[in-house]
Amino acid sequence: MRYLKSIALYTALALGANTAVAADIPALAALAEGDMKKVNWHAAPQPSGAAAFQTVEGGEKTLSDYEGKHVVLNFWATWCAPCRKEMPQLSELQAEFGGEGFEVVTVATGRNAVPAMRAFFQEIGVDNLPLHRDPRQALAREMGVLGLPVTVILDPQGMEIARLTGDADWASDSAKEIIAALIGEKG
C-alpha cells in the first residue's frame, strides 16, 4: 500500500510541479509513519525568520542564503540529549539528499561555544553538517522556537511549510520518502 501511495504522490508531483506546495501537503502527510507523524504540515506556507546567525568561522548568514533549495532546518544545543541522538540521522539525510535542491541546516541556539560544538559533532561522528550559531537566539525567537530540538522544513522560496517539535528519526524510511517526494526524487 505504501508503494501505491508513493507512486500516486510522485505522479501528482510530476504532473503538477508548478502547483503550490500546500496542495501536496496531504500527499506528503500520507507518507508519514512513526516519528514523522509528529510533523505539523501547515495549510499554507508561513514566513520564516530573517534574523542573521553566525557561521563557525565568524561570518553571518540568513535563511535567504538557502533560497532555491528545500531546507530541513534544525535548532539544537550541545547540552540537548535528544539532539545527540537526532544529529547523526540528520547527517544521513544530508548525505543521501544534499545537493543543489536540498540541504540540512543546523543552528545551535543559545550559549554554545564553538569548541563544544566541534567536540559534539566529533563525538557523534558528524562531519557533513554546518556548525552555525544563534548565540542571542534572535532567529530562534523570531521563529517561535521554545524548546529543543525543533526542526522546520522550508520550501525553495524560504517559507516554512512544516515543523516538528522534539526529536525524530530523520533517517527512517518514512522521513526519506517524504524528503524524496518533497524534492521530486524518485526512489
C-alpha atoms as a PDB file:
ATOM      1  CA  MET A   1       0.000   0.000   0.000  1.00  0.00           C
ATOM      2  CA  ARG A   2       2.881   2.407   0.796  1.00  0.00           C
ATOM      3  CA  TYR A   3       4.292   1.695  -2.647  1.00  0.00           C
ATOM      4  CA  LEU A   4       0.994   2.680  -4.261  1.00  0.00           C
ATOM      5  CA  LYS A   5       0.867   5.863  -2.153  1.00  0.00           C
ATOM      6  CA  SER A   6       4.383   6.722  -3.303  1.00  0.00           C
ATOM      7  CA  ILE A   7       3.531   6.152  -6.961  1.00  0.00           C
ATOM      8  CA  ALA A   8       0.416   8.319  -6.655  1.00  0.00           C
ATOM      9  CA  LEU A   9       2.393  11.063  -4.936  1.00  0.00           C
ATOM     10  CA  TYR A  10       5.241  11.049  -7.468  1.00  0.00           C
ATOM     11  CA  THR A  11       2.731  11.137 -10.337  1.00  0.00           C
ATOM     12  CA  ALA A  12       0.880  14.059  -8.753  1.00  0.00           C
ATOM     13  CA  LEU A  13       4.125  15.933  -8.171  1.00  0.00           C
ATOM     14  CA  ALA A  14       5.318  15.307 -11.729  1.00  0.00           C
ATOM     15  CA  LEU A  15       2.035  16.452 -13.281  1.00  0.00           C
ATOM     16  CA  GLY A  16       1.663  19.489 -11.072  1.00  0.00           C
ATOM     17  CA  ALA A  17       5.255  20.501 -10.479  1.00  0.00           C
ATOM     18  CA  ASN A  18       4.363  24.186 -10.622  1.00  0.00           C
ATOM     19  CA  THR A  19       1.466  23.977  -8.178  1.00  0.00           C
ATOM     20  CA  ALA A  20       1.756  25.300  -4.657  1.00  0.00           C
ATOM     21  CA  VAL A  21       3.368  23.059  -2.053  1.00  0.00           C
ATOM     22  CA  ALA A  22       0.237  23.395   0.083  1.00  0.00           C
ATOM     23  CA  ALA A  23      -1.664  21.326  -2.482  1.00  0.00           C
ATOM     24  CA  ASP A  24       0.812  18.478  -1.929  1.00  0.00           C
ATOM     25  CA  ILE A  25       0.659  18.541   1.870  1.00  0.00           C
ATOM     26  CA  PRO A  26      -1.967  15.776   2.212  1.00  0.00           C
ATOM     27  CA  ALA A  27       0.095  13.516  -0.039  1.00  0.00           C
ATOM     28  CA  LEU A  28       3.276  14.233   1.927  1.00  0.00           C
ATOM     29  CA  ALA A  29       1.486  13.701   5.240  1.00  0.00           C
ATOM     30  CA  ALA A  30       0.161  10.370   3.934  1.00  0.00           C
ATOM     31  CA  LEU A  31       3.758   9.096   3.751  1.00  0.00           C
ATOM     32  CA  ALA A  32       4.265   9.731   7.469  1.00  0.00           C
ATOM     33  CA  GLU A  33       4.882   6.772   9.738  1.00  0.00           C
ATOM     34  CA  GLY A  34       6.450   6.564  13.177  1.00  0.00           C
ATOM     35  CA  ASP A  35       8.118   9.799  14.287  1.00  0.00           C
ATOM     36  CA  MET A  36       7.192  11.518  11.037  1.00  0.00           C
ATOM     37  CA  LYS A  37       3.569  11.574  12.190  1.00  0.00           C
ATOM     38  CA  LYS A  38       4.701  14.334  14.596  1.00  0.00           C
ATOM     39  CA  VAL A  39       5.404  16.677  11.673  1.00  0.00           C
ATOM     40  CA  ASN A  40       2.924  19.558  11.643  1.00  0.00           C
ATOM     41  CA  TRP A  41       2.310  20.434   7.981  1.00  0.00           C
ATOM     42  CA  HIS A  42       0.986  23.964   7.515  1.00  0.00           C
ATOM     43  CA  ALA A  43      -2.116  24.515   5.381  1.00  0.00           C
ATOM     44  CA  ALA A  44      -0.298  27.425   3.730  1.00  0.00           C
ATOM     45  CA  PRO A  45       3.400  28.348   3.736  1.00  0.00           C
ATOM     46  CA  GLN A  46       4.381  30.708   6.558  1.00  0.00           C
ATOM     47  CA  PRO A  47       7.174  33.269   6.718  1.00  0.00           C
ATOM     48  CA  SER A  48      10.406  32.022   8.232  1.00  0.00           C
ATOM     49  CA  GLY A  49      12.909  34.082  10.172  1.00  0.00           C
ATOM     50  CA  ALA A  50      15.027  36.862   8.731  1.00  0.00           C
ATOM     51  CA  ALA A  51      17.444  37.271  11.669  1.00  0.00           C
ATOM     52  CA  ALA A  52      21.107  36.652  10.943  1.00  0.00           C
ATOM     53  CA  PHE A  53      23.008  33.795  12.540  1.00  0.00           C
ATOM     54  CA  GLN A  54      26.742  33.108  12.724  1.00  0.00           C
ATOM     55  CA  THR A  55      28.878  30.610  10.891  1.00  0.00           C
ATOM     56  CA  VAL A  56      31.502  28.783  12.915  1.00  0.00           C
ATOM     57  CA  GLU A  57      34.117  30.828  11.035  1.00  0.00           C
ATOM     58  CA  GLY A  58      32.545  34.054  12.375  1.00  0.00           C
ATOM     59  CA  GLY A  59      30.629  35.145   9.272  1.00  0.00           C
ATOM     60  CA  GLU A  60      26.903  35.829   9.052  1.00  0.00           C
ATOM     61  CA  LYS A  61      24.164  34.039   7.178  1.00  0.00           C
ATOM     62  CA  THR A  62      20.413  34.276   6.906  1.00  0.00           C
ATOM     63  CA  LEU A  63      17.865  31.742   5.739  1.00  0.00           C
ATOM     64  CA  SER A  64      17.566  33.687   2.488  1.00  0.00           C
ATOM     65  CA  ASP A  65      21.038  32.319   1.639  1.00  0.00           C
ATOM     66  CA  TYR A  66      19.324  28.951   1.087  1.00  0.00           C
ATOM     67  CA  GLU A  67      16.549  30.126  -1.224  1.00  0.00           C
ATOM     68  CA  GLY A  68      16.164  27.835  -4.204  1.00  0.00           C
ATOM     69  CA  LYS A  69      16.510  24.733  -2.008  1.00  0.00           C
ATOM     70  CA  HIS A  70      14.240  22.765   0.234  1.00  0.00           C
ATOM     71  CA  VAL A  71      15.788  23.038   3.692  1.00  0.00           C
ATOM     72  CA  VAL A  72      15.473  20.936   6.822  1.00  0.00           C
ATOM     73  CA  LEU A  73      16.420  23.499   9.476  1.00  0.00           C
ATOM     74  CA  ASN A  74      17.320  22.038  12.853  1.00  0.00           C
ATOM     75  CA  PHE A  75      17.645  24.076  16.046  1.00  0.00           C
ATOM     76  CA  TRP A  76      19.817  22.288  18.617  1.00  0.00           C
ATOM     77  CA  ALA A  77      22.263  22.774  21.506  1.00  0.00           C
ATOM     78  CA  THR A  78      25.320  20.967  22.826  1.00  0.00           C
ATOM     79  CA  TRP A  79      23.535  20.181  26.122  1.00  0.00           C
ATOM     80  CA  CYS A  80      20.473  18.682  24.379  1.00  0.00           C
ATOM     81  CA  ALA A  81      20.396  14.877  24.826  1.00  0.00           C
ATOM     82  CA  PRO A  82      17.760  14.258  22.098  1.00  0.00           C
ATOM     83  CA  CYS A  83      19.886  16.377  19.734  1.00  0.00           C
ATOM     84  CA  ARG A  84      22.791  13.964  20.239  1.00  0.00           C
ATOM     85  CA  LYS A  85      20.587  11.090  19.076  1.00  0.00           C
ATOM     86  CA  GLU A  86      18.980  13.009  16.205  1.00  0.00           C
ATOM     87  CA  MET A  87      22.012  14.741  14.655  1.00  0.00           C
ATOM     88  CA  PRO A  88      23.573  11.600  13.064  1.00  0.00           C
ATOM     89  CA  GLN A  89      20.181  10.903  11.458  1.00  0.00           C
ATOM     90  CA  LEU A  90      20.080  14.427  10.017  1.00  0.00           C
ATOM     91  CA  SER A  91      23.628  13.835   8.788  1.00  0.00           C
ATOM     92  CA  GLU A  92      22.430  10.704   6.993  1.00  0.00           C
ATOM     93  CA  LEU A  93      19.598  12.691   5.395  1.00  0.00           C
ATOM     94  CA  GLN A  94      22.121  15.273   4.162  1.00  0.00           C
ATOM     95  CA  ALA A  95      24.424  12.549   2.820  1.00  0.00           C
ATOM     96  CA  GLU A  96      21.593  10.961   0.852  1.00  0.00           C
ATOM     97  CA  PHE A  97      19.752  14.029  -0.450  1.00  0.00           C
ATOM     98  CA  GLY A  98      22.046  17.047  -0.025  1.00  0.00           C
ATOM     99  CA  GLY A  99      22.891  18.987  -3.128  1.00  0.00           C
ATOM    100  CA  GLU A 100      21.517  21.587  -5.473  1.00  0.00           C
ATOM    101  CA  GLY A 101      17.890  21.205  -4.371  1.00  0.00           C
ATOM    102  CA  PHE A 102      18.132  20.190  -0.716  1.00  0.00           C
ATOM    103  CA  GLU A 103      20.174  20.942   2.392  1.00  0.00           C
ATOM    104  CA  VAL A 104      20.098  20.177   6.095  1.00  0.00           C
ATOM    105  CA  VAL A 105      20.989  23.343   8.021  1.00  0.00           C
ATOM    106  CA  THR A 106      21.813  23.091  11.724  1.00  0.00           C
ATOM    107  CA  VAL A 107      21.763  26.109  14.040  1.00  0.00           C
ATOM    108  CA  ALA A 108      22.924  25.815  17.645  1.00  0.00           C
ATOM    109  CA  THR A 109      20.805  28.272  19.575  1.00  0.00           C
ATOM    110  CA  GLY A 110      21.754  29.882  22.875  1.00  0.00           C
ATOM    111  CA  ARG A 111      25.100  29.562  24.628  1.00  0.00           C
ATOM    112  CA  ASN A 112      27.055  27.056  22.601  1.00  0.00           C
ATOM    113  CA  ALA A 113      30.800  27.617  22.480  1.00  0.00           C
ATOM    114  CA  VAL A 114      32.439  26.774  19.172  1.00  0.00           C
ATOM    115  CA  PRO A 115      34.888  24.264  20.760  1.00  0.00           C
ATOM    116  CA  ALA A 116      31.954  22.471  22.426  1.00  0.00           C
ATOM    117  CA  MET A 117      30.044  22.403  19.137  1.00  0.00           C
ATOM    118  CA  ARG A 118      33.029  20.919  17.315  1.00  0.00           C
ATOM    119  CA  ALA A 119      33.509  18.330  20.087  1.00  0.00           C
ATOM    120  CA  PHE A 120      29.796  17.434  19.955  1.00  0.00           C
ATOM    121  CA  PHE A 121      29.945  16.741  16.205  1.00  0.00           C
ATOM    122  CA  GLN A 122      33.247  14.854  16.540  1.00  0.00           C
ATOM    123  CA  GLU A 123      31.907  12.632  19.357  1.00  0.00           C
ATOM    124  CA  ILE A 124      28.834  11.634  17.342  1.00  0.00           C
ATOM    125  CA  GLY A 125      30.706  11.259  14.047  1.00  0.00           C
ATOM    126  CA  VAL A 126      29.023  14.077  12.113  1.00  0.00           C
ATOM    127  CA  ASP A 127      31.188  15.877   9.578  1.00  0.00           C
ATOM    128  CA  ASN A 128      28.805  16.947   6.807  1.00  0.00           C
ATOM    129  CA  LEU A 129      26.520  19.424   8.606  1.00  0.00           C
ATOM    130  CA  PRO A 130      27.176  23.118   9.186  1.00  0.00           C
ATOM    131  CA  LEU A 131      28.164  24.464  12.582  1.00  0.00           C
ATOM    132  CA  HIS A 132      26.036  27.605  12.677  1.00  0.00           C
ATOM    133  CA  ARG A 133      25.257  29.532  15.874  1.00  0.00           C
ATOM    134  CA  ASP A 134      22.421  31.722  17.086  1.00  0.00           C
ATOM    135  CA  PRO A 135      24.007  32.839  20.389  1.00  0.00           C
ATOM    136  CA  ARG A 136      21.454  35.534  21.186  1.00  0.00           C
ATOM    137  CA  GLN A 137      18.593  33.317  19.986  1.00  0.00           C
ATOM    138  CA  ALA A 138      17.400  36.013  17.581  1.00  0.00           C
ATOM    139  CA  LEU A 139      16.432  33.567  14.822  1.00  0.00           C
ATOM    140  CA  ALA A 140      15.029  31.041  17.294  1.00  0.00           C
ATOM    141  CA  ARG A 141      12.854  33.693  18.977  1.00  0.00           C
ATOM    142  CA  GLU A 142      11.694  35.090  15.644  1.00  0.00           C
ATOM    143  CA  MET A 143      10.660  31.599  14.560  1.00  0.00           C
ATOM    144  CA  GLY A 144       8.951  30.718  17.851  1.00  0.00           C
ATOM    145  CA  VAL A 145      11.402  28.016  18.911  1.00  0.00           C
ATOM    146  CA  LEU A 146      10.592  27.429  22.571  1.00  0.00           C
ATOM    147  CA  GLY A 147      12.372  24.127  23.243  1.00  0.00           C
ATOM    148  CA  LEU A 148      14.919  21.866  21.602  1.00  0.00           C
ATOM    149  CA  PRO A 149      15.226  20.207  19.253  1.00  0.00           C
ATOM    150  CA  VAL A 150      12.920  21.841  16.725  1.00  0.00           C
ATOM    151  CA  THR A 151      13.103  21.018  13.039  1.00  0.00           C
ATOM    152  CA  VAL A 152      11.496  23.222  10.403  1.00  0.00           C
ATOM    153  CA  ILE A 153      11.045  22.401   6.716  1.00  0.00           C
ATOM    154  CA  LEU A 154      11.393  25.321   4.322  1.00  0.00           C
ATOM    155  CA  ASP A 155      10.319  25.427   0.685  1.00  0.00           C
ATOM    156  CA  PRO A 156      12.634  26.810  -2.040  1.00  0.00           C
ATOM    157  CA  GLN A 157      11.134  30.287  -1.516  1.00  0.00           C
ATOM    158  CA  GLY A 158      12.288  30.193   2.113  1.00  0.00           C
ATOM    159  CA  MET A 159       8.782  29.768   3.533  1.00  0.00           C
ATOM    160  CA  GLU A 160       8.067  27.403   6.429  1.00  0.00           C
ATOM    161  CA  ILE A 161       5.863  24.530   5.286  1.00  0.00           C
ATOM    162  CA  ALA A 162       6.209  22.173   8.263  1.00  0.00           C
ATOM    163  CA  ARG A 163       7.560  21.902  11.800  1.00  0.00           C
ATOM    164  CA  LEU A 164       8.415  19.113  14.205  1.00  0.00           C
ATOM    165  CA  THR A 165       8.965  19.855  17.879  1.00  0.00           C
ATOM    166  CA  GLY A 166      11.079  17.253  19.653  1.00  0.00           C
ATOM    167  CA  ASP A 167      13.376  14.625  18.250  1.00  0.00           C
ATOM    168  CA  ALA A 168      12.585  12.292  15.377  1.00  0.00           C
ATOM    169  CA  ASP A 169      14.223   9.554  13.366  1.00  0.00           C
ATOM    170  CA  TRP A 170      15.247  11.567  10.310  1.00  0.00           C
ATOM    171  CA  ALA A 171      16.988   8.520   8.845  1.00  0.00           C
ATOM    172  CA  SER A 172      13.787   6.451   8.826  1.00  0.00           C
ATOM    173  CA  ASP A 173      12.304   5.152   5.589  1.00  0.00           C
ATOM    174  CA  SER A 174       9.303   7.425   6.155  1.00  0.00           C
ATOM    175  CA  ALA A 175      11.471  10.553   6.541  1.00  0.00           C
ATOM    176  CA  LYS A 176      13.432   9.671   3.423  1.00  0.00           C
ATOM    177  CA  GLU A 177      10.258   9.031   1.414  1.00  0.00           C
ATOM    178  CA  ILE A 178       8.870  12.398   2.490  1.00  0.00           C
ATOM    179  CA  ILE A 179      12.069  14.261   1.547  1.00  0.00           C
ATOM    180  CA  ALA A 180      12.370  12.395  -1.770  1.00  0.00           C
ATOM    181  CA  ALA A 181       8.765  13.274  -2.620  1.00  0.00           C
ATOM    182  CA  LEU A 182       9.245  16.872  -1.488  1.00  0.00           C
ATOM    183  CA  ILE A 183      12.281  17.441  -3.694  1.00  0.00           C
ATOM    184  CA  GLY A 184      10.910  15.373  -6.567  1.00  0.00           C
ATOM    185  CA  GLU A 185      13.336  12.447  -6.478  1.00  0.00           C
ATOM    186  CA  LYS A 186      12.073   9.007  -7.305  1.00  0.00           C
ATOM    187  CA  GLY A 187      13.214   6.174  -5.054  1.00  0.00           C
END
